[in-house]
Amino acid sequence: MKDDGRPLFLQIAEQIEGSIVDGSLPEEAQVPSTNELAAFHRINPATAAKGVNQLVADGILYKRRGIGMFVAAGARSVLLERRREEFAQLFVAPLLEEARKLGIDTEQIKKMVDVWGEDE
């Protein structure tokens, strides 16, 4: 796990979310058990369980009694929408605010994005 000051259980939850978003954990796929997560990351199983349980509470994962945890139907869409909103708040809103300060209008921003996007 990264040592970035955030609680380990949040890092576990974000790692699982990332796997769902990138498609390596598709909907209805079984996720690693809390014991597997704990062993892999060398953390307490209760910490791993807290991260998994957070995703259950958010409706991203669900439990099949006696089998394990699975990715809920629609989880990827929910996570993508959430991440798009976070992206807008973290990057687009500050960009537009700075553009206004500099007198850059929306059309100029679009042109800049087009130019910078051509490198891909």
N, C-alpha and C. Protein backbone atom coordinates (compact mmCIF):
# COMPACT_ATOMS: atom_id res chain seq x y z
N MET A 1 0.84 -1.18 0.00
CA MET A 1 0.00 0.00 0.00
C MET A 1 0.88 1.24 0.00
N LYS A 2 0.33 2.27 -0.55
CA LYS A 2 1.03 3.55 -0.56
C LYS A 2 0.98 4.15 0.84
N ASP A 3 2.01 4.84 1.19
CA ASP A 3 2.03 5.53 2.48
C ASP A 3 1.76 7.00 2.21
N ASP A 4 0.50 7.31 1.91
CA ASP A 4 0.17 8.70 1.58
C ASP A 4 -0.65 9.38 2.67
N GLY A 5 -0.69 8.79 3.84
CA GLY A 5 -1.37 9.42 4.96
C GLY A 5 -2.85 9.13 5.04
N ARG A 6 -3.44 8.57 3.98
CA ARG A 6 -4.86 8.23 4.02
C ARG A 6 -5.03 6.88 4.69
N PRO A 7 -6.15 6.66 5.35
CA PRO A 7 -6.36 5.37 6.01
C PRO A 7 -6.24 4.20 5.04
N LEU A 8 -5.66 3.11 5.52
CA LEU A 8 -5.45 1.93 4.68
C LEU A 8 -6.76 1.36 4.14
N PHE A 9 -7.82 1.39 4.94
CA PHE A 9 -9.08 0.82 4.47
C PHE A 9 -9.61 1.60 3.26
N LEU A 10 -9.38 2.92 3.23
CA LEU A 10 -9.79 3.72 2.07
C LEU A 10 -8.94 3.37 0.85
N GLN A 11 -7.67 3.12 1.07
CA GLN A 11 -6.79 2.74 -0.03
C GLN A 11 -7.21 1.39 -0.61
N ILE A 12 -7.62 0.45 0.24
CA ILE A 12 -8.11 -0.85 -0.21
C ILE A 12 -9.37 -0.65 -1.05
N ALA A 13 -10.31 0.14 -0.54
CA ALA A 13 -11.55 0.40 -1.27
C ALA A 13 -11.26 1.06 -2.62
N GLU A 14 -10.37 2.03 -2.65
CA GLU A 14 -10.03 2.71 -3.90
C GLU A 14 -9.34 1.79 -4.88
N GLN A 15 -8.53 0.88 -4.38
CA GLN A 15 -7.86 -0.09 -5.26
C GLN A 15 -8.90 -0.99 -5.93
N ILE A 16 -9.86 -1.47 -5.17
CA ILE A 16 -10.92 -2.31 -5.73
C ILE A 16 -11.74 -1.49 -6.72
N GLU A 17 -12.09 -0.27 -6.36
CA GLU A 17 -12.83 0.61 -7.27
C GLU A 17 -12.07 0.79 -8.58
N GLY A 18 -10.78 1.01 -8.49
CA GLY A 18 -9.96 1.19 -9.68
C GLY A 18 -9.99 -0.04 -10.59
N SER A 19 -9.98 -1.21 -9.98
CA SER A 19 -10.05 -2.45 -10.76
C SER A 19 -11.41 -2.61 -11.44
N ILE A 20 -12.44 -2.13 -10.79
CA ILE A 20 -13.78 -2.17 -11.40
C ILE A 20 -13.84 -1.19 -12.57
N VAL A 21 -13.34 0.01 -12.36
CA VAL A 21 -13.37 1.04 -13.40
C VAL A 21 -12.56 0.62 -14.62
N ASP A 22 -11.37 0.04 -14.41
CA ASP A 22 -10.53 -0.33 -15.56
C ASP A 22 -10.93 -1.66 -16.19
N GLY A 23 -11.92 -2.32 -15.60
CA GLY A 23 -12.45 -3.54 -16.20
C GLY A 23 -11.78 -4.83 -15.78
N SER A 24 -10.75 -4.74 -14.96
CA SER A 24 -10.10 -5.99 -14.52
C SER A 24 -10.95 -6.75 -13.50
N LEU A 25 -11.91 -6.08 -12.89
CA LEU A 25 -12.92 -6.73 -12.04
C LEU A 25 -14.29 -6.41 -12.64
N PRO A 26 -14.78 -7.24 -13.54
CA PRO A 26 -16.08 -6.94 -14.17
C PRO A 26 -17.24 -7.19 -13.21
N GLU A 27 -18.41 -6.69 -13.60
CA GLU A 27 -19.61 -6.89 -12.80
C GLU A 27 -19.86 -8.39 -12.62
N GLU A 28 -20.28 -8.74 -11.43
CA GLU A 28 -20.56 -10.11 -11.02
C GLU A 28 -19.31 -10.95 -10.77
N ALA A 29 -18.11 -10.35 -10.90
CA ALA A 29 -16.87 -11.07 -10.61
C ALA A 29 -16.66 -11.10 -9.10
N GLN A 30 -16.05 -12.17 -8.63
CA GLN A 30 -15.73 -12.27 -7.20
C GLN A 30 -14.48 -11.45 -6.92
N VAL A 31 -14.51 -10.71 -5.83
CA VAL A 31 -13.34 -9.92 -5.43
C VAL A 31 -12.51 -10.74 -4.45
N PRO A 32 -11.23 -10.41 -4.31
CA PRO A 32 -10.41 -11.14 -3.34
C PRO A 32 -11.02 -11.04 -1.94
N SER A 33 -10.83 -12.09 -1.17
CA SER A 33 -11.34 -12.09 0.20
C SER A 33 -10.56 -11.11 1.05
N THR A 34 -11.13 -10.78 2.19
CA THR A 34 -10.43 -9.86 3.09
C THR A 34 -9.12 -10.47 3.57
N ASN A 35 -9.09 -11.79 3.77
CA ASN A 35 -7.85 -12.44 4.18
C ASN A 35 -6.80 -12.39 3.06
N GLU A 36 -7.24 -12.55 1.81
CA GLU A 36 -6.31 -12.43 0.69
C GLU A 36 -5.77 -11.01 0.57
N LEU A 37 -6.65 -10.04 0.70
CA LEU A 37 -6.22 -8.64 0.65
C LEU A 37 -5.25 -8.32 1.78
N ALA A 38 -5.58 -8.82 2.97
CA ALA A 38 -4.72 -8.56 4.14
C ALA A 38 -3.34 -9.18 3.95
N ALA A 39 -3.30 -10.42 3.46
CA ALA A 39 -2.02 -11.10 3.26
C ALA A 39 -1.21 -10.39 2.18
N PHE A 40 -1.85 -10.02 1.09
CA PHE A 40 -1.15 -9.37 -0.02
C PHE A 40 -0.55 -8.04 0.41
N HIS A 41 -1.32 -7.26 1.16
CA HIS A 41 -0.87 -5.92 1.56
C HIS A 41 -0.19 -5.89 2.92
N ARG A 42 -0.13 -7.04 3.56
CA ARG A 42 0.47 -7.17 4.90
C ARG A 42 -0.18 -6.20 5.89
N ILE A 43 -1.51 -6.30 5.95
CA ILE A 43 -2.28 -5.48 6.88
C ILE A 43 -3.21 -6.38 7.68
N ASN A 44 -3.83 -5.82 8.67
CA ASN A 44 -4.78 -6.55 9.50
C ASN A 44 -6.02 -6.89 8.68
N PRO A 45 -6.53 -8.12 8.77
CA PRO A 45 -7.76 -8.49 8.04
C PRO A 45 -8.95 -7.58 8.37
N ALA A 46 -9.00 -7.06 9.59
CA ALA A 46 -10.10 -6.16 9.96
C ALA A 46 -10.02 -4.86 9.15
N THR A 47 -8.83 -4.42 8.85
CA THR A 47 -8.65 -3.21 8.04
C THR A 47 -9.12 -3.45 6.61
N ALA A 48 -8.74 -4.61 6.06
CA ALA A 48 -9.19 -4.97 4.71
C ALA A 48 -10.71 -5.10 4.69
N ALA A 49 -11.26 -5.71 5.72
CA ALA A 49 -12.72 -5.88 5.80
C ALA A 49 -13.43 -4.53 5.85
N LYS A 50 -12.84 -3.57 6.54
CA LYS A 50 -13.46 -2.24 6.62
C LYS A 50 -13.54 -1.60 5.24
N GLY A 51 -12.50 -1.76 4.43
CA GLY A 51 -12.52 -1.23 3.08
C GLY A 51 -13.56 -1.91 2.21
N VAL A 52 -13.63 -3.23 2.30
CA VAL A 52 -14.62 -4.00 1.54
C VAL A 52 -16.03 -3.64 2.00
N ASN A 53 -16.23 -3.55 3.30
CA ASN A 53 -17.55 -3.22 3.83
C ASN A 53 -18.01 -1.83 3.43
N GLN A 54 -17.07 -0.92 3.25
CA GLN A 54 -17.42 0.41 2.76
C GLN A 54 -18.01 0.32 1.36
N LEU A 55 -17.43 -0.55 0.53
CA LEU A 55 -17.94 -0.73 -0.83
C LEU A 55 -19.30 -1.43 -0.83
N VAL A 56 -19.52 -2.31 0.14
CA VAL A 56 -20.84 -2.94 0.28
C VAL A 56 -21.86 -1.88 0.66
N ALA A 57 -21.51 -1.03 1.60
CA ALA A 57 -22.42 0.04 2.03
C ALA A 57 -22.74 1.00 0.89
N ASP A 58 -21.78 1.19 -0.03
CA ASP A 58 -21.97 2.08 -1.18
C ASP A 58 -22.71 1.40 -2.33
N GLY A 59 -22.98 0.10 -2.19
CA GLY A 59 -23.67 -0.64 -3.24
C GLY A 59 -22.78 -1.07 -4.39
N ILE A 60 -21.48 -1.00 -4.21
CA ILE A 60 -20.52 -1.38 -5.25
C ILE A 60 -20.28 -2.89 -5.22
N LEU A 61 -20.25 -3.46 -4.04
CA LEU A 61 -20.08 -4.89 -3.85
C LEU A 61 -21.30 -5.45 -3.13
N TYR A 62 -21.50 -6.75 -3.26
CA TYR A 62 -22.53 -7.43 -2.48
C TYR A 62 -22.00 -8.79 -2.05
N LYS A 63 -22.59 -9.30 -0.99
CA LYS A 63 -22.12 -10.55 -0.40
C LYS A 63 -23.03 -11.70 -0.81
N ARG A 64 -22.40 -12.80 -1.23
CA ARG A 64 -23.12 -14.05 -1.42
C ARG A 64 -22.75 -14.91 -0.23
N ARG A 65 -23.70 -15.14 0.60
CA ARG A 65 -23.46 -15.85 1.87
C ARG A 65 -22.72 -17.17 1.64
N GLY A 66 -21.61 -17.31 2.35
CA GLY A 66 -20.81 -18.52 2.28
C GLY A 66 -19.90 -18.61 1.07
N ILE A 67 -19.98 -17.64 0.16
CA ILE A 67 -19.16 -17.69 -1.05
C ILE A 67 -18.15 -16.56 -1.08
N GLY A 68 -18.62 -15.33 -0.84
CA GLY A 68 -17.71 -14.19 -0.86
C GLY A 68 -18.37 -12.93 -1.36
N MET A 69 -17.54 -11.96 -1.69
CA MET A 69 -18.01 -10.67 -2.18
C MET A 69 -17.89 -10.61 -3.69
N PHE A 70 -18.87 -9.93 -4.31
CA PHE A 70 -18.93 -9.83 -5.75
C PHE A 70 -19.23 -8.40 -6.17
N VAL A 71 -18.82 -8.05 -7.39
CA VAL A 71 -19.07 -6.72 -7.94
C VAL A 71 -20.55 -6.65 -8.33
N ALA A 72 -21.22 -5.64 -7.85
CA ALA A 72 -22.65 -5.46 -8.11
C ALA A 72 -22.89 -5.04 -9.56
N ALA A 73 -24.05 -5.43 -10.07
CA ALA A 73 -24.45 -4.98 -11.41
C ALA A 73 -24.58 -3.45 -11.38
N GLY A 74 -24.05 -2.81 -12.38
CA GLY A 74 -24.11 -1.36 -12.47
C GLY A 74 -23.03 -0.63 -11.69
N ALA A 75 -22.17 -1.37 -10.99
CA ALA A 75 -21.13 -0.73 -10.16
C ALA A 75 -20.18 0.13 -10.98
N ARG A 76 -19.78 -0.36 -12.15
CA ARG A 76 -18.84 0.41 -12.97
C ARG A 76 -19.46 1.73 -13.39
N SER A 77 -20.72 1.72 -13.79
CA SER A 77 -21.40 2.95 -14.19
C SER A 77 -21.47 3.94 -13.03
N VAL A 78 -21.78 3.45 -11.85
CA VAL A 78 -21.86 4.30 -10.66
C VAL A 78 -20.50 4.93 -10.38
N LEU A 79 -19.46 4.11 -10.45
CA LEU A 79 -18.11 4.62 -10.17
C LEU A 79 -17.65 5.61 -11.23
N LEU A 80 -17.94 5.32 -12.50
CA LEU A 80 -17.56 6.25 -13.56
C LEU A 80 -18.26 7.59 -13.39
N GLU A 81 -19.53 7.57 -13.06
CA GLU A 81 -20.27 8.82 -12.86
C GLU A 81 -19.68 9.60 -11.68
N ARG A 82 -19.39 8.89 -10.60
CA ARG A 82 -18.80 9.54 -9.43
C ARG A 82 -17.44 10.15 -9.78
N ARG A 83 -16.63 9.41 -10.50
CA ARG A 83 -15.30 9.92 -10.87
C ARG A 83 -15.38 11.08 -11.84
N ARG A 84 -16.35 11.05 -12.73
CA ARG A 84 -16.52 12.18 -13.65
C ARG A 84 -16.89 13.44 -12.89
N GLU A 85 -17.76 13.29 -11.91
CA GLU A 85 -18.15 14.44 -11.09
C GLU A 85 -16.95 14.97 -10.30
N GLU A 86 -16.17 14.06 -9.72
CA GLU A 86 -14.97 14.47 -9.00
C GLU A 86 -13.97 15.16 -9.92
N PHE A 87 -13.84 14.63 -11.15
CA PHE A 87 -12.95 15.24 -12.14
C PHE A 87 -13.38 16.68 -12.43
N ALA A 88 -14.68 16.86 -12.62
CA ALA A 88 -15.20 18.20 -12.90
C ALA A 88 -14.91 19.15 -11.75
N GLN A 89 -15.12 18.68 -10.53
CA GLN A 89 -14.89 19.54 -9.36
C GLN A 89 -13.41 19.84 -9.15
N LEU A 90 -12.56 18.82 -9.35
CA LEU A 90 -11.14 19.00 -9.06
C LEU A 90 -10.37 19.70 -10.18
N PHE A 91 -10.80 19.53 -11.43
CA PHE A 91 -10.02 20.03 -12.55
C PHE A 91 -10.76 21.05 -13.41
N VAL A 92 -11.98 20.75 -13.78
CA VAL A 92 -12.69 21.64 -14.71
C VAL A 92 -13.08 22.95 -14.03
N ALA A 93 -13.65 22.87 -12.85
CA ALA A 93 -14.06 24.10 -12.16
C ALA A 93 -12.89 25.04 -11.91
N PRO A 94 -11.75 24.54 -11.38
CA PRO A 94 -10.60 25.45 -11.21
C PRO A 94 -10.06 25.98 -12.55
N LEU A 95 -10.09 25.16 -13.59
CA LEU A 95 -9.63 25.60 -14.90
C LEU A 95 -10.49 26.76 -15.40
N LEU A 96 -11.80 26.61 -15.28
CA LEU A 96 -12.70 27.67 -15.73
C LEU A 96 -12.55 28.94 -14.90
N GLU A 97 -12.35 28.77 -13.62
CA GLU A 97 -12.14 29.93 -12.75
C GLU A 97 -10.88 30.69 -13.15
N GLU A 98 -9.80 29.97 -13.38
CA GLU A 98 -8.55 30.61 -13.79
C GLU A 98 -8.70 31.24 -15.17
N ALA A 99 -9.40 30.56 -16.07
CA ALA A 99 -9.62 31.10 -17.42
C ALA A 99 -10.37 32.43 -17.34
N ARG A 100 -11.38 32.50 -16.49
CA ARG A 100 -12.14 33.75 -16.33
C ARG A 100 -11.22 34.88 -15.87
N LYS A 101 -10.35 34.57 -14.92
CA LYS A 101 -9.41 35.58 -14.41
C LYS A 101 -8.50 36.09 -15.52
N LEU A 102 -8.16 35.20 -16.45
CA LEU A 102 -7.24 35.55 -17.53
C LEU A 102 -7.94 36.09 -18.76
N GLY A 103 -9.27 36.14 -18.71
CA GLY A 103 -10.03 36.64 -19.85
C GLY A 103 -10.12 35.65 -21.00
N ILE A 104 -10.00 34.38 -20.70
CA ILE A 104 -10.10 33.35 -21.74
C ILE A 104 -11.55 32.86 -21.78
N ASP A 105 -12.17 32.92 -22.96
CA ASP A 105 -13.56 32.49 -23.06
C ASP A 105 -13.64 30.99 -23.37
N THR A 106 -14.86 30.48 -23.36
CA THR A 106 -15.10 29.05 -23.54
C THR A 106 -14.59 28.54 -24.88
N GLU A 107 -14.78 29.32 -25.93
CA GLU A 107 -14.32 28.90 -27.26
C GLU A 107 -12.80 28.77 -27.30
N GLN A 108 -12.11 29.69 -26.65
CA GLN A 108 -10.65 29.62 -26.60
C GLN A 108 -10.20 28.38 -25.83
N ILE A 109 -10.91 28.06 -24.75
CA ILE A 109 -10.58 26.86 -23.96
C ILE A 109 -10.76 25.62 -24.83
N LYS A 110 -11.86 25.56 -25.57
CA LYS A 110 -12.11 24.41 -26.45
C LYS A 110 -10.99 24.26 -27.47
N LYS A 111 -10.54 25.38 -28.05
CA LYS A 111 -9.46 25.33 -29.03
C LYS A 111 -8.17 24.82 -28.38
N MET A 112 -7.90 25.28 -27.16
CA MET A 112 -6.71 24.82 -26.44
C MET A 112 -6.77 23.31 -26.20
N VAL A 113 -7.93 22.84 -25.80
CA VAL A 113 -8.10 21.40 -25.54
C VAL A 113 -7.89 20.62 -26.83
N ASP A 114 -8.44 21.12 -27.92
CA ASP A 114 -8.27 20.45 -29.22
C ASP A 114 -6.79 20.36 -29.60
N VAL A 115 -6.07 21.46 -29.43
CA VAL A 115 -4.65 21.48 -29.78
C VAL A 115 -3.86 20.52 -28.89
N TRP A 116 -4.08 20.59 -27.60
CA TRP A 116 -3.35 19.73 -26.68
C TRP A 116 -3.75 18.27 -26.81
N GLY A 117 -4.99 18.03 -27.21
CA GLY A 117 -5.48 16.66 -27.38
C GLY A 117 -4.97 15.98 -28.63
N GLU A 118 -4.44 16.76 -29.58
CA GLU A 118 -3.94 16.20 -30.83
C GLU A 118 -2.70 15.33 -30.63
N ASP A 119 -2.02 15.50 -29.53
CA ASP A 119 -0.79 14.73 -29.26
C ASP A 119 -1.07 13.25 -29.02
N GLU A 120 -2.32 12.92 -28.76
CA GLU A 120 -2.64 11.53 -28.42
C GLU A 120 -2.89 10.69 -29.62
